[in-house]
């Protein structure tokens, strides 16, 4: 705003500056939060950040999309779950 003070500026430019002034701080905070959740991973699910994307069984459309899931590894002995 200070660089444009005293200069003729179109209404469109003023609207864009006003939009940036109102929205950028909240967007920067949102992006920082998302990067903190991401950490060292390549991706995460917005609905369940702890789940990882895995290729699931093909659905009726045969597209085999990646969906958020958990990789449970459980060992059993005589049908009892052991640690």
N, C-alpha and C. Protein backbone atom coordinates (compact mmCIF):
# COMPACT_ATOMS: atom_id res chain seq x y z
N UNK A 1 0.81 -1.20 0.00
CA UNK A 1 0.00 0.00 0.00
C UNK A 1 0.86 1.26 0.00
N UNK A 2 1.95 1.25 0.74
CA UNK A 2 2.78 2.45 0.83
C UNK A 2 3.45 2.75 -0.51
N UNK A 3 3.79 1.74 -1.27
CA UNK A 3 4.44 1.95 -2.56
C UNK A 3 3.46 2.56 -3.56
N UNK A 4 2.17 2.30 -3.38
CA UNK A 4 1.17 2.81 -4.31
C UNK A 4 0.52 4.10 -3.83
N UNK A 5 0.92 4.58 -2.67
CA UNK A 5 0.31 5.78 -2.10
C UNK A 5 0.60 7.00 -2.98
N UNK A 6 -0.44 7.74 -3.29
CA UNK A 6 -0.30 8.94 -4.10
C UNK A 6 -0.26 8.67 -5.59
N UNK A 7 -0.40 7.42 -6.00
CA UNK A 7 -0.39 7.07 -7.42
C UNK A 7 -1.78 6.62 -7.83
N UNK A 8 -2.14 6.86 -9.08
CA UNK A 8 -3.45 6.39 -9.54
C UNK A 8 -3.43 4.86 -9.69
N UNK A 9 -4.32 4.21 -8.96
CA UNK A 9 -4.39 2.75 -8.97
C UNK A 9 -5.82 2.35 -9.29
N UNK A 10 -5.95 1.35 -10.16
CA UNK A 10 -7.29 0.92 -10.55
C UNK A 10 -8.00 0.22 -9.39
N UNK A 11 -9.30 0.16 -9.50
CA UNK A 11 -10.11 -0.47 -8.46
C UNK A 11 -9.78 -1.96 -8.35
N UNK A 12 -9.49 -2.59 -9.47
CA UNK A 12 -9.18 -4.02 -9.49
C UNK A 12 -7.91 -4.31 -8.67
N UNK A 13 -6.90 -3.48 -8.80
CA UNK A 13 -5.66 -3.67 -8.05
C UNK A 13 -5.91 -3.47 -6.57
N UNK A 14 -6.70 -2.48 -6.21
CA UNK A 14 -7.02 -2.24 -4.80
C UNK A 14 -7.78 -3.42 -4.20
N UNK A 15 -8.70 -4.01 -5.00
CA UNK A 15 -9.44 -5.16 -4.52
C UNK A 15 -8.51 -6.35 -4.27
N UNK A 16 -7.56 -6.56 -5.18
CA UNK A 16 -6.61 -7.66 -5.01
C UNK A 16 -5.73 -7.46 -3.78
N UNK A 17 -5.29 -6.24 -3.55
CA UNK A 17 -4.49 -5.95 -2.36
C UNK A 17 -5.29 -6.16 -1.08
N UNK A 18 -6.53 -5.75 -1.10
CA UNK A 18 -7.40 -5.92 0.06
C UNK A 18 -7.64 -7.41 0.33
N UNK A 19 -7.86 -8.18 -0.74
CA UNK A 19 -8.06 -9.63 -0.60
C UNK A 19 -6.82 -10.28 0.00
N UNK A 20 -5.65 -9.90 -0.50
CA UNK A 20 -4.40 -10.47 0.00
C UNK A 20 -4.19 -10.11 1.47
N UNK A 21 -4.47 -8.88 1.83
CA UNK A 21 -4.29 -8.43 3.21
C UNK A 21 -5.20 -9.20 4.16
N UNK A 22 -6.42 -9.52 3.71
CA UNK A 22 -7.37 -10.21 4.57
C UNK A 22 -7.10 -11.72 4.66
N UNK A 23 -6.70 -12.35 3.56
CA UNK A 23 -6.66 -13.81 3.50
C UNK A 23 -5.28 -14.44 3.67
N UNK A 24 -4.23 -13.77 3.31
CA UNK A 24 -2.91 -14.40 3.34
C UNK A 24 -2.44 -14.81 4.73
N UNK A 25 -2.63 -14.02 5.78
CA UNK A 25 -2.15 -14.48 7.10
C UNK A 25 -2.81 -15.78 7.55
N UNK A 26 -4.12 -15.91 7.33
CA UNK A 26 -4.79 -17.14 7.75
C UNK A 26 -4.36 -18.32 6.89
N UNK A 27 -4.14 -18.09 5.59
CA UNK A 27 -3.69 -19.17 4.70
C UNK A 27 -2.28 -19.62 5.07
N UNK A 28 -1.40 -18.69 5.42
CA UNK A 28 -0.04 -19.06 5.81
C UNK A 28 -0.05 -19.92 7.07
N UNK A 29 -0.91 -19.58 8.03
CA UNK A 29 -1.03 -20.39 9.24
C UNK A 29 -1.58 -21.77 8.92
N UNK A 30 -2.55 -21.83 8.02
CA UNK A 30 -3.13 -23.11 7.61
C UNK A 30 -2.08 -23.99 6.93
N UNK A 31 -1.28 -23.41 6.04
CA UNK A 31 -0.25 -24.17 5.34
C UNK A 31 0.84 -24.66 6.30
N UNK A 32 1.19 -23.83 7.28
CA UNK A 32 2.20 -24.24 8.27
C UNK A 32 1.69 -25.43 9.09
N UNK A 33 0.41 -25.40 9.44
CA UNK A 33 -0.19 -26.51 10.19
C UNK A 33 -0.19 -27.80 9.35
N UNK A 34 -0.52 -27.67 8.07
CA UNK A 34 -0.54 -28.85 7.18
C UNK A 34 0.86 -29.42 6.99
N UNK A 35 1.87 -28.56 6.89
CA UNK A 35 3.24 -29.05 6.75
C UNK A 35 3.72 -29.73 8.03
N UNK A 36 3.24 -29.26 9.18
CA UNK A 36 3.61 -29.90 10.44
C UNK A 36 3.01 -31.30 10.53
N UNK A 37 1.77 -31.47 10.06
CA UNK A 37 1.14 -32.78 10.04
C UNK A 37 1.86 -33.69 9.05
N UNK A 38 2.26 -33.14 7.92
CA UNK A 38 2.92 -33.93 6.88
C UNK A 38 4.26 -34.48 7.35
N UNK A 39 5.05 -33.66 8.01
CA UNK A 39 6.34 -34.11 8.53
C UNK A 39 7.24 -34.63 7.44
N UNK A 40 7.74 -35.86 7.60
CA UNK A 40 8.66 -36.44 6.61
C UNK A 40 7.93 -37.36 5.64
N UNK A 41 6.60 -37.43 5.73
CA UNK A 41 5.85 -38.31 4.83
C UNK A 41 5.66 -37.64 3.48
N UNK A 42 5.26 -38.43 2.49
CA UNK A 42 4.99 -37.90 1.15
C UNK A 42 3.58 -37.34 1.04
N UNK A 43 2.63 -37.92 1.78
CA UNK A 43 1.25 -37.47 1.70
C UNK A 43 0.51 -37.90 2.96
N UNK A 44 -0.69 -37.34 3.16
CA UNK A 44 -1.54 -37.76 4.26
C UNK A 44 -2.98 -37.51 3.88
N UNK A 45 -3.88 -38.20 4.55
CA UNK A 45 -5.31 -38.05 4.28
C UNK A 45 -5.85 -36.88 5.09
N UNK A 46 -6.66 -36.05 4.46
CA UNK A 46 -7.24 -34.92 5.18
C UNK A 46 -8.26 -35.38 6.21
N UNK A 47 -8.94 -36.51 5.94
CA UNK A 47 -9.96 -36.98 6.87
C UNK A 47 -9.36 -37.74 8.05
N UNK A 48 -8.20 -38.40 7.84
CA UNK A 48 -7.55 -39.16 8.91
C UNK A 48 -6.03 -39.03 8.75
N UNK A 49 -5.42 -38.01 9.34
CA UNK A 49 -3.99 -37.76 9.13
C UNK A 49 -3.07 -38.89 9.57
N UNK A 50 -3.52 -39.77 10.47
CA UNK A 50 -2.66 -40.85 10.94
C UNK A 50 -2.63 -42.02 9.97
N UNK A 51 -3.61 -42.13 9.10
CA UNK A 51 -3.66 -43.24 8.14
C UNK A 51 -2.72 -42.96 6.98
N UNK A 52 -2.27 -44.04 6.34
CA UNK A 52 -1.44 -43.90 5.15
C UNK A 52 -2.24 -44.38 3.94
N UNK A 53 -1.87 -43.90 2.76
CA UNK A 53 -2.58 -44.29 1.55
C UNK A 53 -2.09 -45.65 1.08
N UNK A 54 -3.04 -46.54 0.81
CA UNK A 54 -2.70 -47.87 0.31
C UNK A 54 -3.62 -48.20 -0.85
N UNK A 55 -3.11 -49.02 -1.77
CA UNK A 55 -3.93 -49.46 -2.89
C UNK A 55 -4.88 -50.53 -2.38
N UNK A 56 -6.17 -50.29 -2.55
CA UNK A 56 -7.18 -51.23 -2.07
C UNK A 56 -7.61 -52.17 -3.19
N UNK A 57 -8.40 -53.14 -2.81
CA UNK A 57 -8.96 -54.06 -3.78
C UNK A 57 -9.77 -53.26 -4.80
N UNK A 58 -9.71 -53.66 -6.06
CA UNK A 58 -10.43 -52.94 -7.11
C UNK A 58 -11.92 -52.91 -6.81
N UNK A 59 -12.52 -51.77 -7.05
CA UNK A 59 -13.95 -51.65 -6.88
C UNK A 59 -14.66 -52.02 -8.18
N UNK A 60 -15.95 -51.79 -8.25
CA UNK A 60 -16.72 -52.20 -9.43
C UNK A 60 -16.32 -51.46 -10.69
N UNK A 61 -15.67 -50.31 -10.56
CA UNK A 61 -15.23 -49.56 -11.75
C UNK A 61 -13.81 -49.95 -12.16
N UNK A 62 -13.18 -50.85 -11.40
CA UNK A 62 -11.85 -51.37 -11.71
C UNK A 62 -10.78 -50.29 -11.81
N UNK A 63 -10.84 -49.30 -10.92
CA UNK A 63 -9.83 -48.25 -10.98
C UNK A 63 -8.79 -48.35 -9.86
N UNK A 64 -9.01 -49.16 -8.84
CA UNK A 64 -8.02 -49.40 -7.80
C UNK A 64 -7.39 -48.15 -7.22
N UNK A 65 -8.20 -47.26 -6.69
CA UNK A 65 -7.68 -46.00 -6.17
C UNK A 65 -6.95 -46.20 -4.85
N UNK A 66 -6.10 -45.23 -4.53
CA UNK A 66 -5.44 -45.22 -3.23
C UNK A 66 -6.41 -44.64 -2.21
N UNK A 67 -6.52 -45.30 -1.07
CA UNK A 67 -7.44 -44.85 -0.03
C UNK A 67 -6.73 -44.88 1.32
N UNK A 68 -7.14 -44.03 2.26
CA UNK A 68 -6.49 -44.04 3.57
C UNK A 68 -6.80 -45.35 4.30
N UNK A 69 -5.76 -45.96 4.86
CA UNK A 69 -5.93 -47.23 5.57
C UNK A 69 -4.82 -47.39 6.59
N UNK A 70 -4.98 -48.38 7.45
CA UNK A 70 -3.97 -48.71 8.46
C UNK A 70 -3.34 -50.05 8.10
N UNK A 71 -2.07 -50.19 8.35
CA UNK A 71 -1.36 -51.44 8.10
C UNK A 71 -1.23 -52.17 9.43
N UNK A 72 -2.22 -52.97 9.77
CA UNK A 72 -2.22 -53.70 11.02
C UNK A 72 -1.44 -54.99 10.85
N UNK A 73 -0.52 -55.23 11.73
CA UNK A 73 0.23 -56.48 11.71
C UNK A 73 0.01 -57.16 13.05
N UNK A 74 -0.77 -58.24 13.01
CA UNK A 74 -1.14 -58.94 14.24
C UNK A 74 -0.70 -60.39 14.11
N UNK A 75 -0.07 -60.90 15.16
CA UNK A 75 0.31 -62.31 15.16
C UNK A 75 -0.63 -63.08 16.08
N UNK A 76 -0.93 -64.31 15.70
CA UNK A 76 -1.84 -65.13 16.49
C UNK A 76 -1.19 -66.47 16.82
N UNK A 77 -1.64 -67.04 17.90
CA UNK A 77 -1.22 -68.38 18.29
C UNK A 77 -2.44 -69.09 18.85
N UNK A 78 -2.86 -70.15 18.21
CA UNK A 78 -4.09 -70.87 18.59
C UNK A 78 -5.28 -69.92 18.66
N UNK A 79 -5.39 -69.07 17.70
CA UNK A 79 -6.47 -68.10 17.53
C UNK A 79 -6.52 -67.06 18.66
N UNK A 80 -5.41 -66.86 19.36
CA UNK A 80 -5.28 -65.79 20.34
C UNK A 80 -4.28 -64.77 19.81
N UNK A 81 -4.58 -63.51 19.97
CA UNK A 81 -3.67 -62.47 19.52
C UNK A 81 -2.53 -62.36 20.51
N UNK A 82 -1.30 -62.46 20.00
CA UNK A 82 -0.12 -62.36 20.86
C UNK A 82 0.68 -61.13 20.47
N UNK A 83 1.49 -60.67 21.38
CA UNK A 83 2.30 -59.48 21.13
C UNK A 83 3.63 -59.83 20.55
